[in-house]
């Protein structure tokens, strides 16, 4: 009896597949319309919404079916559909714009673009906190900050606020060595002159 209940689906497999595909598409459209803010997870409210979304659509995916086979079928369809969508988007870059949108500038030359924040429903404090996680101590240090189509915040610091690179250190060391050599040559010349 237990084995029968575990593997016997209460709804047809075709309905299970159709439900899963439709919920996937519905959520993809909903998240696209809602914008990048939900994907960026810039604050705890966004995280709560994402967690609750899975619970809200659960019955739409599984229907009245509580079988293990039905759940596994739904999971297989979700993973396969997502894999197909990712491959399609990678093959056709134009689809990225359709499904995810374009990058949105949030900061330019140390100035917050309030219009962009308002349009995306972002709070300045959330953007500042996200910029700090990217290495900026202050908005004035940022040349450019954009919210990418995937929801990641990309921050470009002004050159004077960036960490030193290996080339910077080598250049500085070369200058220091050149100065030391010049001072040693001058000292050697003075000693030679005084000794004669």
C-alpha atoms as a PDB file:
ATOM      1  CA  UNK A   1       0.000   0.000   0.000  1.00  0.00           C
ATOM      2  CA  UNK A   2       2.770   2.474   0.916  1.00  0.00           C
ATOM      3  CA  UNK A   3       4.696   1.722  -2.281  1.00  0.00           C
ATOM      4  CA  UNK A   4       1.566   2.213  -4.326  1.00  0.00           C
ATOM      5  CA  UNK A   5       0.873   5.636  -2.752  1.00  0.00           C
ATOM      6  CA  UNK A   6       4.494   6.720  -3.254  1.00  0.00           C
ATOM      7  CA  UNK A   7       4.616   5.963  -6.963  1.00  0.00           C
ATOM      8  CA  UNK A   8       0.999   6.254  -8.141  1.00  0.00           C
ATOM      9  CA  UNK A   9       0.375   9.789  -9.451  1.00  0.00           C
ATOM     10  CA  UNK A  10      -3.092  11.173  -8.764  1.00  0.00           C
ATOM     11  CA  UNK A  11      -3.052  13.347 -11.883  1.00  0.00           C
ATOM     12  CA  UNK A  12      -1.898  12.431 -15.402  1.00  0.00           C
ATOM     13  CA  UNK A  13       1.807  12.935 -16.175  1.00  0.00           C
ATOM     14  CA  UNK A  14       0.916  15.225 -19.096  1.00  0.00           C
ATOM     15  CA  UNK A  15      -1.013  17.540 -16.722  1.00  0.00           C
ATOM     16  CA  UNK A  16       1.943  17.534 -14.305  1.00  0.00           C
ATOM     17  CA  UNK A  17       4.344  18.514 -17.117  1.00  0.00           C
ATOM     18  CA  UNK A  18       1.979  21.210 -18.402  1.00  0.00           C
ATOM     19  CA  UNK A  19       1.448  22.665 -14.905  1.00  0.00           C
ATOM     20  CA  UNK A  20       5.207  22.811 -14.283  1.00  0.00           C
ATOM     21  CA  UNK A  21       5.962  24.461 -17.643  1.00  0.00           C
ATOM     22  CA  UNK A  22       3.179  27.042 -17.218  1.00  0.00           C
ATOM     23  CA  UNK A  23       4.247  27.952 -13.668  1.00  0.00           C
ATOM     24  CA  UNK A  24       7.869  28.278 -14.815  1.00  0.00           C
ATOM     25  CA  UNK A  25       6.888  30.600 -17.664  1.00  0.00           C
ATOM     26  CA  UNK A  26       4.505  32.540 -15.427  1.00  0.00           C
ATOM     27  CA  UNK A  27       7.182  33.148 -12.798  1.00  0.00           C
ATOM     28  CA  UNK A  28       9.762  34.102 -15.445  1.00  0.00           C
ATOM     29  CA  UNK A  29       7.356  36.701 -16.871  1.00  0.00           C
ATOM     30  CA  UNK A  30       6.393  37.941 -13.399  1.00  0.00           C
ATOM     31  CA  UNK A  31      10.015  38.403 -12.347  1.00  0.00           C
ATOM     32  CA  UNK A  32      10.808  40.136 -15.649  1.00  0.00           C
ATOM     33  CA  UNK A  33       7.911  42.561 -15.193  1.00  0.00           C
ATOM     34  CA  UNK A  34       8.757  43.134 -11.519  1.00  0.00           C
ATOM     35  CA  UNK A  35      12.291  44.058 -12.549  1.00  0.00           C
ATOM     36  CA  UNK A  36      15.832  43.409 -11.441  1.00  0.00           C
ATOM     37  CA  UNK A  37      15.204  44.478  -7.881  1.00  0.00           C
ATOM     38  CA  UNK A  38      13.833  41.063  -6.931  1.00  0.00           C
ATOM     39  CA  UNK A  39      16.874  39.297  -8.314  1.00  0.00           C
ATOM     40  CA  UNK A  40      19.497  41.610  -6.818  1.00  0.00           C
ATOM     41  CA  UNK A  41      18.458  40.644  -3.257  1.00  0.00           C
ATOM     42  CA  UNK A  42      19.528  44.024  -1.961  1.00  0.00           C
ATOM     43  CA  UNK A  43      17.405  43.768   1.160  1.00  0.00           C
ATOM     44  CA  UNK A  44      15.608  41.272   3.364  1.00  0.00           C
ATOM     45  CA  UNK A  45      12.157  42.066   1.917  1.00  0.00           C
ATOM     46  CA  UNK A  46      13.261  40.775  -1.489  1.00  0.00           C
ATOM     47  CA  UNK A  47      14.547  37.554   0.065  1.00  0.00           C
ATOM     48  CA  UNK A  48      11.221  37.007   1.861  1.00  0.00           C
ATOM     49  CA  UNK A  49       9.321  37.428  -1.417  1.00  0.00           C
ATOM     50  CA  UNK A  50      11.569  34.935  -3.202  1.00  0.00           C
ATOM     51  CA  UNK A  51      11.167  32.358  -0.445  1.00  0.00           C
ATOM     52  CA  UNK A  52       7.399  32.767  -0.338  1.00  0.00           C
ATOM     53  CA  UNK A  53       7.039  32.538  -4.123  1.00  0.00           C
ATOM     54  CA  UNK A  54       8.049  28.887  -4.068  1.00  0.00           C
ATOM     55  CA  UNK A  55       5.443  28.118  -1.438  1.00  0.00           C
ATOM     56  CA  UNK A  56       2.718  30.098  -3.202  1.00  0.00           C
ATOM     57  CA  UNK A  57       3.117  28.261  -6.523  1.00  0.00           C
ATOM     58  CA  UNK A  58       3.658  24.802  -5.028  1.00  0.00           C
ATOM     59  CA  UNK A  59       0.050  23.660  -5.435  1.00  0.00           C
ATOM     60  CA  UNK A  60      -0.084  25.062  -8.958  1.00  0.00           C
ATOM     61  CA  UNK A  61       2.826  22.771  -9.874  1.00  0.00           C
ATOM     62  CA  UNK A  62       1.818  19.610  -8.035  1.00  0.00           C
ATOM     63  CA  UNK A  63      -1.973  19.971  -8.146  1.00  0.00           C
ATOM     64  CA  UNK A  64      -3.675  17.426  -5.918  1.00  0.00           C
ATOM     65  CA  UNK A  65      -0.804  14.999  -6.431  1.00  0.00           C
ATOM     66  CA  UNK A  66       1.301  14.202  -3.353  1.00  0.00           C
ATOM     67  CA  UNK A  67       3.107  11.205  -4.827  1.00  0.00           C
ATOM     68  CA  UNK A  68       6.858  10.873  -4.900  1.00  0.00           C
ATOM     69  CA  UNK A  69       6.708  10.105  -8.621  1.00  0.00           C
ATOM     70  CA  UNK A  70       4.721  13.304  -9.268  1.00  0.00           C
ATOM     71  CA  UNK A  71       7.171  15.420  -7.283  1.00  0.00           C
ATOM     72  CA  UNK A  72      10.167  13.888  -9.039  1.00  0.00           C
ATOM     73  CA  UNK A  73       8.518  14.378 -12.444  1.00  0.00           C
ATOM     74  CA  UNK A  74       7.897  18.049 -11.632  1.00  0.00           C
ATOM     75  CA  UNK A  75      11.518  18.457 -10.508  1.00  0.00           C
ATOM     76  CA  UNK A  76      12.845  16.799 -13.678  1.00  0.00           C
ATOM     77  CA  UNK A  77      10.676  19.038 -15.867  1.00  0.00           C
ATOM     78  CA  UNK A  78      11.811  22.178 -13.981  1.00  0.00           C
ATOM     79  CA  UNK A  79      15.511  21.314 -14.263  1.00  0.00           C
ATOM     80  CA  UNK A  80      15.193  20.318 -17.942  1.00  0.00           C
ATOM     81  CA  UNK A  81      13.166  23.417 -18.835  1.00  0.00           C
ATOM     82  CA  UNK A  82      15.595  25.709 -17.022  1.00  0.00           C
ATOM     83  CA  UNK A  83      18.553  24.055 -18.759  1.00  0.00           C
ATOM     84  CA  UNK A  84      16.845  24.495 -22.135  1.00  0.00           C
ATOM     85  CA  UNK A  85      16.074  28.172 -21.426  1.00  0.00           C
ATOM     86  CA  UNK A  86      19.661  28.901 -20.350  1.00  0.00           C
ATOM     87  CA  UNK A  87      20.999  27.258 -23.520  1.00  0.00           C
ATOM     88  CA  UNK A  88      18.554  29.182 -25.721  1.00  0.00           C
ATOM     89  CA  UNK A  89      19.462  32.495 -24.110  1.00  0.00           C
ATOM     90  CA  UNK A  90      23.177  31.721 -24.509  1.00  0.00           C
ATOM     91  CA  UNK A  91      22.702  30.848 -28.189  1.00  0.00           C
ATOM     92  CA  UNK A  92      20.604  33.928 -28.948  1.00  0.00           C
ATOM     93  CA  UNK A  93      21.932  37.002 -27.099  1.00  0.00           C
ATOM     94  CA  UNK A  94      18.869  38.997 -28.136  1.00  0.00           C
ATOM     95  CA  UNK A  95      16.841  36.773 -25.794  1.00  0.00           C
ATOM     96  CA  UNK A  96      18.866  38.096 -22.835  1.00  0.00           C
ATOM     97  CA  UNK A  97      17.371  41.533 -23.382  1.00  0.00           C
ATOM     98  CA  UNK A  98      13.877  40.085 -23.756  1.00  0.00           C
ATOM     99  CA  UNK A  99      14.019  37.868 -20.662  1.00  0.00           C
ATOM    100  CA  UNK A 100      16.296  39.903 -18.406  1.00  0.00           C
ATOM    101  CA  UNK A 101      16.351  43.471 -19.721  1.00  0.00           C
ATOM    102  CA  UNK A 102      19.315  45.846 -19.883  1.00  0.00           C
ATOM    103  CA  UNK A 103      21.783  47.161 -17.348  1.00  0.00           C
ATOM    104  CA  UNK A 104      20.601  50.195 -15.400  1.00  0.00           C
ATOM    105  CA  UNK A 105      22.996  52.907 -14.241  1.00  0.00           C
ATOM    106  CA  UNK A 106      22.559  53.683 -10.541  1.00  0.00           C
ATOM    107  CA  UNK A 107      25.609  55.901  -9.927  1.00  0.00           C
ATOM    108  CA  UNK A 108      27.619  58.070 -12.349  1.00  0.00           C
ATOM    109  CA  UNK A 109      30.711  60.059 -11.361  1.00  0.00           C
ATOM    110  CA  UNK A 110      29.976  59.807  -7.648  1.00  0.00           C
ATOM    111  CA  UNK A 111      26.345  60.919  -7.991  1.00  0.00           C
ATOM    112  CA  UNK A 112      23.346  58.667  -7.330  1.00  0.00           C
ATOM    113  CA  UNK A 113      20.851  58.631 -10.197  1.00  0.00           C
ATOM    114  CA  UNK A 114      17.666  59.090  -8.173  1.00  0.00           C
ATOM    115  CA  UNK A 115      15.437  58.542 -11.209  1.00  0.00           C
ATOM    116  CA  UNK A 116      16.850  55.021 -11.678  1.00  0.00           C
ATOM    117  CA  UNK A 117      16.437  54.167  -7.986  1.00  0.00           C
ATOM    118  CA  UNK A 118      12.857  55.382  -8.017  1.00  0.00           C
ATOM    119  CA  UNK A 119      12.016  53.470 -11.209  1.00  0.00           C
ATOM    120  CA  UNK A 120      13.446  50.228  -9.781  1.00  0.00           C
ATOM    121  CA  UNK A 121      11.965  50.785  -6.325  1.00  0.00           C
ATOM    122  CA  UNK A 122      15.391  50.749  -4.654  1.00  0.00           C
ATOM    123  CA  UNK A 123      16.295  52.639  -1.511  1.00  0.00           C
ATOM    124  CA  UNK A 124      19.473  54.712  -1.515  1.00  0.00           C
ATOM    125  CA  UNK A 125      20.605  53.009   1.710  1.00  0.00           C
ATOM    126  CA  UNK A 126      20.355  49.561   0.072  1.00  0.00           C
ATOM    127  CA  UNK A 127      22.419  50.702  -2.914  1.00  0.00           C
ATOM    128  CA  UNK A 128      25.042  52.296  -0.642  1.00  0.00           C
ATOM    129  CA  UNK A 129      25.284  49.067   1.395  1.00  0.00           C
ATOM    130  CA  UNK A 130      25.650  46.992  -1.792  1.00  0.00           C
ATOM    131  CA  UNK A 131      28.371  49.363  -3.049  1.00  0.00           C
ATOM    132  CA  UNK A 132      30.251  48.976   0.236  1.00  0.00           C
ATOM    133  CA  UNK A 133      30.215  45.203  -0.256  1.00  0.00           C
ATOM    134  CA  UNK A 134      31.857  45.880  -3.635  1.00  0.00           C
ATOM    135  CA  UNK A 135      34.724  47.827  -2.009  1.00  0.00           C
ATOM    136  CA  UNK A 136      33.526  51.438  -2.082  1.00  0.00           C
ATOM    137  CA  UNK A 137      33.731  53.312   1.219  1.00  0.00           C
ATOM    138  CA  UNK A 138      31.772  56.274  -0.136  1.00  0.00           C
ATOM    139  CA  UNK A 139      29.534  57.024  -3.152  1.00  0.00           C
ATOM    140  CA  UNK A 140      32.011  59.746  -4.193  1.00  0.00           C
ATOM    141  CA  UNK A 141      34.635  57.045  -4.887  1.00  0.00           C
ATOM    142  CA  UNK A 142      32.480  55.434  -7.578  1.00  0.00           C
ATOM    143  CA  UNK A 143      32.882  56.248 -11.253  1.00  0.00           C
ATOM    144  CA  UNK A 144      30.054  53.958 -12.319  1.00  0.00           C
ATOM    145  CA  UNK A 145      27.645  51.532 -10.653  1.00  0.00           C
ATOM    146  CA  UNK A 146      25.112  49.558 -12.682  1.00  0.00           C
ATOM    147  CA  UNK A 147      22.542  46.911 -11.921  1.00  0.00           C
ATOM    148  CA  UNK A 148      23.108  44.197 -14.534  1.00  0.00           C
ATOM    149  CA  UNK A 149      20.279  42.282 -16.218  1.00  0.00           C
ATOM    150  CA  UNK A 150      20.903  39.313 -13.918  1.00  0.00           C
ATOM    151  CA  UNK A 151      20.521  41.517 -10.837  1.00  0.00           C
ATOM    152  CA  UNK A 152      24.212  41.818  -9.894  1.00  0.00           C
ATOM    153  CA  UNK A 153      25.550  45.210  -8.891  1.00  0.00           C
ATOM    154  CA  UNK A 154      28.705  46.106 -10.835  1.00  0.00           C
ATOM    155  CA  UNK A 155      30.774  48.909  -9.285  1.00  0.00           C
ATOM    156  CA  UNK A 156      33.728  50.667 -10.921  1.00  0.00           C
ATOM    157  CA  UNK A 157      35.824  52.673  -8.475  1.00  0.00           C
ATOM    158  CA  UNK A 158      37.669  55.841  -9.460  1.00  0.00           C
ATOM    159  CA  UNK A 159      41.333  55.003 -10.209  1.00  0.00           C
ATOM    160  CA  UNK A 160      42.644  56.725  -7.095  1.00  0.00           C
ATOM    161  CA  UNK A 161      40.452  54.527  -4.863  1.00  0.00           C
ATOM    162  CA  UNK A 162      41.264  51.182  -6.461  1.00  0.00           C
ATOM    163  CA  UNK A 163      43.572  48.708  -4.775  1.00  0.00           C
ATOM    164  CA  UNK A 164      47.153  48.658  -6.036  1.00  0.00           C
ATOM    165  CA  UNK A 165      47.937  46.094  -8.712  1.00  0.00           C
ATOM    166  CA  UNK A 166      51.176  44.127  -9.017  1.00  0.00           C
ATOM    167  CA  UNK A 167      52.206  46.467 -11.844  1.00  0.00           C
ATOM    168  CA  UNK A 168      51.632  49.467  -9.561  1.00  0.00           C
ATOM    169  CA  UNK A 169      53.865  47.933  -6.894  1.00  0.00           C
ATOM    170  CA  UNK A 170      56.564  47.037  -9.459  1.00  0.00           C
ATOM    171  CA  UNK A 171      56.481  50.556 -10.910  1.00  0.00           C
ATOM    172  CA  UNK A 172      56.803  52.066  -7.438  1.00  0.00           C
ATOM    173  CA  UNK A 173      59.673  49.682  -6.585  1.00  0.00           C
ATOM    174  CA  UNK A 174      61.459  50.540  -9.855  1.00  0.00           C
ATOM    175  CA  UNK A 175      61.187  54.259  -9.076  1.00  0.00           C
ATOM    176  CA  UNK A 176      62.494  53.685  -5.556  1.00  0.00           C
ATOM    177  CA  UNK A 177      65.422  51.562  -6.814  1.00  0.00           C
ATOM    178  CA  UNK A 178      66.297  54.209  -9.430  1.00  0.00           C
ATOM    179  CA  UNK A 179      66.330  56.896  -6.711  1.00  0.00           C
ATOM    180  CA  UNK A 180      68.500  54.740  -4.414  1.00  0.00           C
ATOM    181  CA  UNK A 181      70.962  54.012  -7.258  1.00  0.00           C
ATOM    182  CA  UNK A 182      71.194  57.725  -8.090  1.00  0.00           C
ATOM    183  CA  UNK A 183      71.843  58.594  -4.427  1.00  0.00           C
ATOM    184  CA  UNK A 184      74.485  55.844  -4.160  1.00  0.00           C
ATOM    185  CA  UNK A 185      76.207  57.077  -7.336  1.00  0.00           C
ATOM    186  CA  UNK A 186      76.199  60.649  -5.997  1.00  0.00           C
ATOM    187  CA  UNK A 187      77.581  59.457  -2.645  1.00  0.00           C
ATOM    188  CA  UNK A 188      80.253  57.373  -4.381  1.00  0.00           C
ATOM    189  CA  UNK A 189      81.221  60.370  -6.524  1.00  0.00           C
ATOM    190  CA  UNK A 190      81.525  62.572  -3.387  1.00  0.00           C
ATOM    191  CA  UNK A 191      83.666  59.988  -1.620  1.00  0.00           C
ATOM    192  CA  UNK A 192      85.894  59.623  -4.685  1.00  0.00           C
ATOM    193  CA  UNK A 193      86.208  63.414  -4.975  1.00  0.00           C
ATOM    194  CA  UNK A 194      87.071  63.830  -1.277  1.00  0.00           C
ATOM    195  CA  UNK A 195      89.611  60.981  -1.387  1.00  0.00           C
ATOM    196  CA  UNK A 196      91.619  62.543  -4.212  1.00  0.00           C
END
